[in-house]
């Protein structure tokens, strides 16, 4: 089977369920941003050695495929004619709570924040900060899509929580790698 199909040569693509739309549509933009985020988490993983963190990030990448598949599926196509779900998995409060638990565990090992942090703190942390900003863009694109087409709120909530997780993880990675964080302190300009 060849990877190219030529069906998108005129700027259209098929959503999950068969509907064809412009590649510039809000839906395609949203799952494209999710895909970019997933790739950037992969880049981040290549600079991290902590096995527990790598296990978490692998799970997150799996979950992002789940988020992306739902983002690529119009709500009216989520159910098949036989009444079964088109998608084998969906994001639920379980995955959101998992992110919260991981964050809580990291934060217990960190100094409380007193100032905003400049993105940095070593190579691994810097990649995680970049992933966080891509996550925020993916979240914004889902919110934008939701203004015209329904998006399950769990998807937006998951990305919102994931960006927080990536921030806390960047701080944690800086700490375990003995890389100092830099602060934005307006009084030290």
Protein backbone atom coordinates (compact mmCIF):
# COMPACT_ATOMS: atom_id res chain seq x y z
CA UNK A 1 0.00 0.00 0.00
CA UNK A 2 1.40 3.38 -0.96
CA UNK A 3 1.43 6.21 1.58
CA UNK A 4 0.23 8.75 -0.96
CA UNK A 5 -3.34 8.68 -2.20
CA UNK A 6 -3.48 11.92 -4.23
CA UNK A 7 -6.97 12.56 -2.81
CA UNK A 8 -5.74 15.70 -1.04
CA UNK A 9 -4.05 17.30 -4.01
CA UNK A 10 -6.78 19.93 -4.36
CA UNK A 11 -6.67 21.07 -0.74
CA UNK A 12 -9.33 18.79 0.72
CA UNK A 13 -9.12 15.89 3.15
CA UNK A 14 -11.48 13.29 4.57
CA UNK A 15 -12.52 13.43 8.20
CA UNK A 16 -13.08 10.29 10.21
CA UNK A 17 -16.49 9.19 8.98
CA UNK A 18 -15.88 10.18 5.37
CA UNK A 19 -16.91 13.86 5.17
CA UNK A 20 -14.54 15.85 2.93
CA UNK A 21 -13.47 19.31 4.07
CA UNK A 22 -10.90 21.96 3.25
CA UNK A 23 -7.48 21.40 4.76
CA UNK A 24 -7.83 24.98 6.04
CA UNK A 25 -10.94 24.14 8.11
CA UNK A 26 -11.04 24.74 11.86
CA UNK A 27 -11.39 21.00 12.46
CA UNK A 28 -8.32 20.09 10.40
CA UNK A 29 -6.37 22.91 12.04
CA UNK A 30 -7.30 21.61 15.49
CA UNK A 31 -6.18 18.03 14.94
CA UNK A 32 -3.10 19.28 13.09
CA UNK A 33 -2.11 21.26 16.17
CA UNK A 34 -2.67 18.18 18.32
CA UNK A 35 -0.45 16.17 15.97
CA UNK A 36 2.26 18.85 16.17
CA UNK A 37 2.04 18.77 19.96
CA UNK A 38 2.41 15.00 19.95
CA UNK A 39 5.51 15.26 17.76
CA UNK A 40 7.02 17.89 20.01
CA UNK A 41 6.45 15.71 23.06
CA UNK A 42 8.39 13.04 21.14
CA UNK A 43 11.25 15.52 20.71
CA UNK A 44 11.09 16.31 24.42
CA UNK A 45 11.25 12.59 25.28
CA UNK A 46 14.48 12.22 23.31
CA UNK A 47 16.16 14.56 25.83
CA UNK A 48 14.77 13.01 29.03
CA UNK A 49 16.25 10.07 30.91
CA UNK A 50 13.85 9.67 33.86
CA UNK A 51 12.00 6.40 33.26
CA UNK A 52 8.84 7.39 35.16
CA UNK A 53 8.57 10.65 33.20
CA UNK A 54 9.14 8.80 29.92
CA UNK A 55 6.36 6.36 30.84
CA UNK A 56 4.00 9.27 31.52
CA UNK A 57 4.89 11.03 28.27
CA UNK A 58 4.34 7.83 26.29
CA UNK A 59 0.86 7.53 27.83
CA UNK A 60 0.20 11.20 26.99
CA UNK A 61 1.23 10.62 23.37
CA UNK A 62 -1.20 7.71 23.22
CA UNK A 63 -3.94 9.91 24.72
CA UNK A 64 -3.18 12.67 22.21
CA UNK A 65 -3.88 10.22 19.38
CA UNK A 66 -7.21 9.59 21.08
CA UNK A 67 -7.89 13.35 21.33
CA UNK A 68 -6.84 13.83 17.70
CA UNK A 69 -9.05 11.04 16.41
CA UNK A 70 -12.05 12.58 18.11
CA UNK A 71 -11.11 16.06 16.88
CA UNK A 72 -11.05 14.56 13.36
CA UNK A 73 -14.57 13.19 13.78
CA UNK A 74 -17.65 15.40 13.46
CA UNK A 75 -20.00 14.85 16.40
CA UNK A 76 -22.73 13.52 14.10
CA UNK A 77 -20.29 10.80 12.95
CA UNK A 78 -19.23 9.62 16.44
CA UNK A 79 -21.86 6.89 16.42
CA UNK A 80 -22.23 4.26 13.71
CA UNK A 81 -25.60 3.34 12.21
CA UNK A 82 -25.66 0.23 14.42
CA UNK A 83 -25.48 2.43 17.54
CA UNK A 84 -21.87 1.61 18.40
CA UNK A 85 -19.16 4.20 18.83
CA UNK A 86 -17.03 4.85 15.75
CA UNK A 87 -14.03 5.44 18.03
CA UNK A 88 -12.62 2.66 20.19
CA UNK A 89 -11.47 5.16 22.84
CA UNK A 90 -12.41 8.63 24.05
CA UNK A 91 -10.82 10.92 26.62
CA UNK A 92 -12.62 10.96 29.94
CA UNK A 93 -12.20 12.45 33.40
CA UNK A 94 -9.93 9.48 34.20
CA UNK A 95 -7.17 10.79 31.90
CA UNK A 96 -7.64 14.34 33.20
CA UNK A 97 -7.36 13.17 36.82
CA UNK A 98 -4.25 11.18 35.89
CA UNK A 99 -2.56 14.39 34.71
CA UNK A 100 -3.60 16.13 37.94
CA UNK A 101 -2.16 13.33 40.07
CA UNK A 102 1.14 13.40 38.19
CA UNK A 103 1.31 17.19 38.59
CA UNK A 104 0.61 16.98 42.31
CA UNK A 105 3.43 14.46 42.76
CA UNK A 106 5.90 16.70 40.90
CA UNK A 107 4.80 19.85 42.72
CA UNK A 108 5.41 18.17 46.09
CA UNK A 109 9.10 18.07 45.09
CA UNK A 110 9.33 21.67 43.84
CA UNK A 111 9.80 25.02 45.51
CA UNK A 112 6.67 27.18 45.43
CA UNK A 113 6.49 29.66 42.55
CA UNK A 114 7.21 33.26 43.46
CA UNK A 115 7.73 34.72 39.98
CA UNK A 116 6.91 33.84 36.41
CA UNK A 117 9.44 31.49 34.87
CA UNK A 118 11.21 32.25 31.62
CA UNK A 119 11.06 29.27 29.25
CA UNK A 120 14.37 27.49 29.72
CA UNK A 121 16.01 25.58 32.55
CA UNK A 122 18.09 23.26 30.38
CA UNK A 123 17.51 21.59 27.04
CA UNK A 124 14.86 19.07 28.19
CA UNK A 125 12.88 21.69 30.10
CA UNK A 126 13.06 24.13 27.20
CA UNK A 127 11.54 21.55 24.84
CA UNK A 128 8.79 20.90 27.41
CA UNK A 129 8.07 24.65 27.63
CA UNK A 130 7.79 24.76 23.82
CA UNK A 131 5.44 21.74 23.94
CA UNK A 132 3.37 23.64 26.51
CA UNK A 133 2.91 26.58 24.14
CA UNK A 134 1.92 24.24 21.30
CA UNK A 135 -0.55 22.61 23.69
CA UNK A 136 -2.09 26.02 24.41
CA UNK A 137 -2.45 26.61 20.66
CA UNK A 138 -4.08 23.21 20.24
CA UNK A 139 -6.47 24.08 23.06
CA UNK A 140 -7.31 27.45 21.47
CA UNK A 141 -7.97 25.79 18.13
CA UNK A 142 -10.41 23.32 19.75
CA UNK A 143 -12.15 26.21 21.51
CA UNK A 144 -12.40 28.01 18.15
CA UNK A 145 -13.80 24.86 16.51
CA UNK A 146 -16.32 24.54 19.36
CA UNK A 147 -17.70 27.97 18.48
CA UNK A 148 -19.04 26.57 15.20
CA UNK A 149 -19.17 22.79 15.72
CA UNK A 150 -19.68 20.89 18.94
CA UNK A 151 -16.59 19.54 20.67
CA UNK A 152 -16.89 17.38 23.77
CA UNK A 153 -15.75 19.52 26.74
CA UNK A 154 -13.44 16.75 27.97
CA UNK A 155 -11.15 17.34 24.98
CA UNK A 156 -10.68 21.02 25.81
CA UNK A 157 -10.31 20.24 29.51
CA UNK A 158 -7.68 17.57 28.76
CA UNK A 159 -5.55 19.97 26.72
CA UNK A 160 -5.93 22.68 29.35
CA UNK A 161 -4.71 20.32 32.04
CA UNK A 162 -1.95 18.95 29.80
CA UNK A 163 -0.45 22.41 29.32
CA UNK A 164 -0.33 22.78 33.12
CA UNK A 165 1.29 19.35 33.39
CA UNK A 166 3.95 20.28 30.81
CA UNK A 167 4.76 23.45 32.77
CA UNK A 168 5.13 21.58 36.06
CA UNK A 169 7.11 18.81 34.34
CA UNK A 170 9.50 21.37 32.83
CA UNK A 171 10.15 22.71 36.33
CA UNK A 172 10.65 19.20 37.70
CA UNK A 173 13.05 18.22 34.91
CA UNK A 174 15.06 21.41 35.54
CA UNK A 175 15.32 20.43 39.18
CA UNK A 176 16.39 16.81 38.69
CA UNK A 177 18.92 17.88 36.03
CA UNK A 178 20.31 20.60 38.33
CA UNK A 179 19.52 23.25 35.71
CA UNK A 180 18.53 26.57 37.31
CA UNK A 181 15.25 28.19 36.37
CA UNK A 182 15.29 31.82 35.30
CA UNK A 183 12.60 34.10 36.65
CA UNK A 184 10.78 37.07 35.22
CA UNK A 185 11.07 39.47 38.10
CA UNK A 186 10.07 42.99 36.98
CA UNK A 187 12.03 44.42 39.90
CA UNK A 188 15.32 43.04 38.55
CA UNK A 189 15.23 44.56 35.10
